[in-house]
Structure formats: C-alpha cells, structure tokens
Amino acid sequence: MNKITLKYDLNKYPIEAVRYVFYTLTSQFYVLLSTEKNFIKAELKPISDSKIDIKKLKKNIELELRDEILRQRIMNDSLKLREYLIRKAITYSPQTPVSPDTLSTEEEKELEKLIKEVEEELKKEMEEEKSNEIKKTWEEKYGNKSKK
C-alpha cells in the first residue's frame, strides 16, 4: 500500500501532541513527521500489507489528538501540585513519637486549667443541690404520711 499523508495545523494542535499521537502508531506504520510553515505533515507507510480504513484511521487520530491535548492541559495545570508532593516526599523526616505518658508544659497547663474548671463546676452543682435539698428522699422530705 502507498503512504498516507496527513496535515495538521500547528495553531490548533501543539507539535508535542501530534508527535505523541503518531508515536503510538509506530507499531502499525513507519512514521515521518515534518513541518511546513504552520502545518505539521505526517507521512504514514503501513508496516504490513493489511487493508487500512483511512477514514477510521483519521477519526482515531483526531480523537487521540484531542485526548492528548487534554492530557497535556491537565499535566500543565497540576505541575505545581506534583512538584510540591515530590518535594515533600524527598524532604520527609518522620516525627519522633511522643510517649503517651509525657505531656509538654503547655499541655500540662491546659490540663490543669481544665481540671480547675471541672472542679469549680462540680462545686457549684453540689452547693445548688444542698440548697435545693435534692438529696432528700420522698420520705425524708414529706414524712410517712399516708391517707387512709
């Protein structure tokens, strides 16, 4: 079979995307890429003598070009994130585990403050209970008066 020649506008398709897409076809075709003004020309020569549907091939190439452009956009948009993750992975240093029995001075102060607050609340509640005589039972409060 003769060679197939395709042209793509470099304003529409970045040269890297075209190169990657045609690289995927190298198992089926000999590929020669060249630039002409604002176009990139792809010459494909089939490796085997099998019949090729040119319309289907062009459609698949167009789909792959759109997908590759999307992949490149995603890669460019996530570049800073990937750099950050790699930098964090390279400079990773594990934290020394803190013994659960050991508290820092700030933690001790906070704990003492919380304990004082709870003690004060309990003290207030106990005073309220004493004043309201809540602890008395029914019999203590009203006696053993029963109606007959």
Protein backbone atom coordinates (compact mmCIF):
# COMPACT_ATOMS: atom_id res chain seq x y z
CA MET A 1 0.00 0.00 0.00
CA ASN A 2 1.13 3.53 -0.67
CA LYS A 3 1.88 6.00 2.01
CA ILE A 4 -0.78 8.13 3.68
CA THR A 5 -0.11 11.85 4.09
CA LEU A 6 -1.94 13.92 6.71
CA LYS A 7 -1.56 17.60 7.64
CA TYR A 8 -2.36 19.26 10.95
CA ASP A 9 -2.48 22.96 11.79
CA LEU A 10 0.11 23.82 14.43
CA ASN A 11 -2.13 26.64 15.70
CA LYS A 12 -4.77 24.05 16.56
CA TYR A 13 -2.57 21.12 17.60
CA PRO A 14 0.69 21.54 19.55
CA ILE A 15 3.62 19.77 17.96
CA GLU A 16 4.19 17.69 21.12
CA ALA A 17 0.64 16.33 20.99
CA VAL A 18 0.99 15.37 17.31
CA ARG A 19 4.34 13.72 17.98
CA TYR A 20 2.96 11.64 20.90
CA VAL A 21 -0.11 10.53 18.96
CA PHE A 22 1.90 9.40 15.95
CA TYR A 23 4.39 7.66 18.19
CA THR A 24 1.53 5.39 19.31
CA LEU A 25 1.07 4.37 15.67
CA THR A 26 4.65 3.20 15.17
CA SER A 27 3.69 -0.42 15.76
CA GLN A 28 1.50 -0.30 12.61
CA PHE A 29 3.19 2.36 10.45
CA TYR A 30 6.50 3.85 9.56
CA VAL A 31 6.01 7.48 10.53
CA LEU A 32 7.78 10.55 9.19
CA LEU A 33 6.88 13.94 10.66
CA SER A 34 7.95 17.23 9.11
CA THR A 35 6.93 20.87 9.44
CA GLU A 36 5.79 23.12 6.62
CA LYS A 37 5.02 26.73 7.59
CA ASN A 38 2.21 26.47 10.17
CA PHE A 39 1.48 22.82 9.47
CA ILE A 40 2.93 19.53 10.54
CA LYS A 41 2.93 16.85 7.87
CA ALA A 42 2.68 13.20 8.83
CA GLU A 43 3.59 10.54 6.30
CA LEU A 44 2.48 7.04 7.23
CA LYS A 45 3.59 3.89 5.47
CA PRO A 46 1.98 0.66 6.70
CA ILE A 47 4.37 -1.95 8.04
CA SER A 48 2.18 -4.86 6.94
CA ASP A 49 0.13 -5.37 3.80
CA SER A 50 -3.16 -5.45 5.68
CA LYS A 51 -6.02 -3.28 4.46
CA ILE A 52 -6.41 0.06 6.26
CA ASP A 53 -9.60 2.10 6.55
CA ILE A 54 -8.26 5.62 6.07
CA LYS A 55 -11.44 7.35 7.31
CA LYS A 56 -11.39 5.32 10.50
CA LEU A 57 -7.67 5.99 10.93
CA LYS A 58 -8.16 9.77 10.54
CA LYS A 59 -11.06 9.73 13.00
CA ASN A 60 -9.00 7.79 15.57
CA ILE A 61 -6.07 10.18 15.14
CA GLU A 62 -8.36 13.19 15.67
CA LEU A 63 -9.76 11.63 18.85
CA GLU A 64 -6.29 10.83 20.12
CA LEU A 65 -5.12 14.37 19.38
CA ARG A 66 -7.99 15.84 21.42
CA ASP A 67 -7.25 13.41 24.26
CA GLU A 68 -3.54 14.23 24.17
CA ILE A 69 -4.24 17.97 24.29
CA LEU A 70 -6.44 17.36 27.35
CA ARG A 71 -3.72 15.24 28.97
CA GLN A 72 -1.16 17.99 28.37
CA ARG A 73 -3.50 20.63 29.83
CA ILE A 74 -4.05 18.51 32.94
CA MET A 75 -0.31 17.90 33.31
CA ASN A 76 0.42 21.62 32.99
CA ASP A 77 -2.33 22.60 35.43
CA SER A 78 -1.17 20.11 38.05
CA LEU A 79 2.55 20.85 37.71
CA LYS A 80 2.83 22.89 40.93
CA LEU A 81 0.95 20.24 42.91
CA ARG A 82 3.17 17.44 41.61
CA GLU A 83 6.31 19.45 42.37
CA TYR A 84 5.05 20.11 45.90
CA LEU A 85 4.28 16.42 46.50
CA ILE A 86 7.66 15.32 45.21
CA ARG A 87 9.44 17.97 47.30
CA LYS A 88 7.56 16.79 50.40
CA ALA A 89 8.40 13.15 49.64
CA ILE A 90 12.10 13.92 49.19
CA THR A 91 12.39 16.05 52.34
CA TYR A 92 10.25 13.76 54.50
CA SER A 93 11.52 13.24 58.02
CA PRO A 94 9.46 11.12 60.39
CA GLN A 95 8.32 12.74 63.61
CA THR A 96 9.70 11.22 66.77
CA PRO A 97 6.80 9.53 68.51
CA VAL A 98 5.73 11.17 71.74
CA SER A 99 5.22 8.91 74.70
CA PRO A 100 1.59 8.98 75.82
CA ASP A 101 2.79 9.37 79.44
CA THR A 102 4.69 12.56 78.64
CA LEU A 103 2.96 15.91 78.26
CA SER A 104 4.52 19.15 77.16
CA THR A 105 4.45 22.10 79.56
CA GLU A 106 1.69 23.74 77.50
CA GLU A 107 -0.37 20.56 77.61
CA GLU A 108 0.13 20.28 81.38
CA LYS A 109 -1.03 23.88 81.90
CA GLU A 110 -4.07 23.30 79.71
CA LEU A 111 -4.91 20.10 81.57
CA GLU A 112 -4.62 21.84 84.96
CA LYS A 113 -6.87 24.64 83.73
CA LEU A 114 -9.50 22.14 82.56
CA ILE A 115 -9.34 20.25 85.86
CA LYS A 116 -9.88 23.50 87.82
CA GLU A 117 -12.86 24.41 85.61
CA VAL A 118 -14.46 21.00 86.17
CA GLU A 119 -13.84 21.16 89.93
CA GLU A 120 -15.48 24.61 90.08
CA GLU A 121 -18.50 23.39 88.13
CA LEU A 122 -18.86 20.36 90.41
CA LYS A 123 -18.56 22.57 93.48
CA LYS A 124 -21.33 24.88 92.18
CA GLU A 125 -23.58 21.92 91.43
CA MET A 126 -23.04 20.49 94.92
CA GLU A 127 -23.93 23.83 96.51
CA GLU A 128 -27.10 24.03 94.40
CA GLU A 129 -28.07 20.50 95.42
CA LYS A 130 -27.60 21.30 99.09
CA SER A 131 -29.67 24.45 98.85
CA ASN A 132 -32.47 22.74 96.97
CA GLU A 133 -32.38 19.68 99.21
CA ILE A 134 -32.35 17.42 96.20
CA LYS A 135 -30.60 14.65 98.05
CA LYS A 136 -33.54 14.10 100.43
CA THR A 137 -35.75 11.14 99.72
CA TRP A 138 -39.53 11.41 99.49
CA GLU A 139 -39.96 10.07 102.99
CA GLU A 140 -37.39 12.47 104.44
CA LYS A 141 -38.96 15.43 102.74
CA TYR A 142 -42.68 14.66 103.31
CA GLY A 143 -42.56 12.08 106.08
CA ASN A 144 -44.52 8.83 106.26
CA LYS A 145 -47.91 10.43 105.93
CA SER A 146 -50.34 8.16 104.28
CA LYS A 147 -54.06 8.75 103.70
CA LYS A 148 -56.40 6.13 104.83
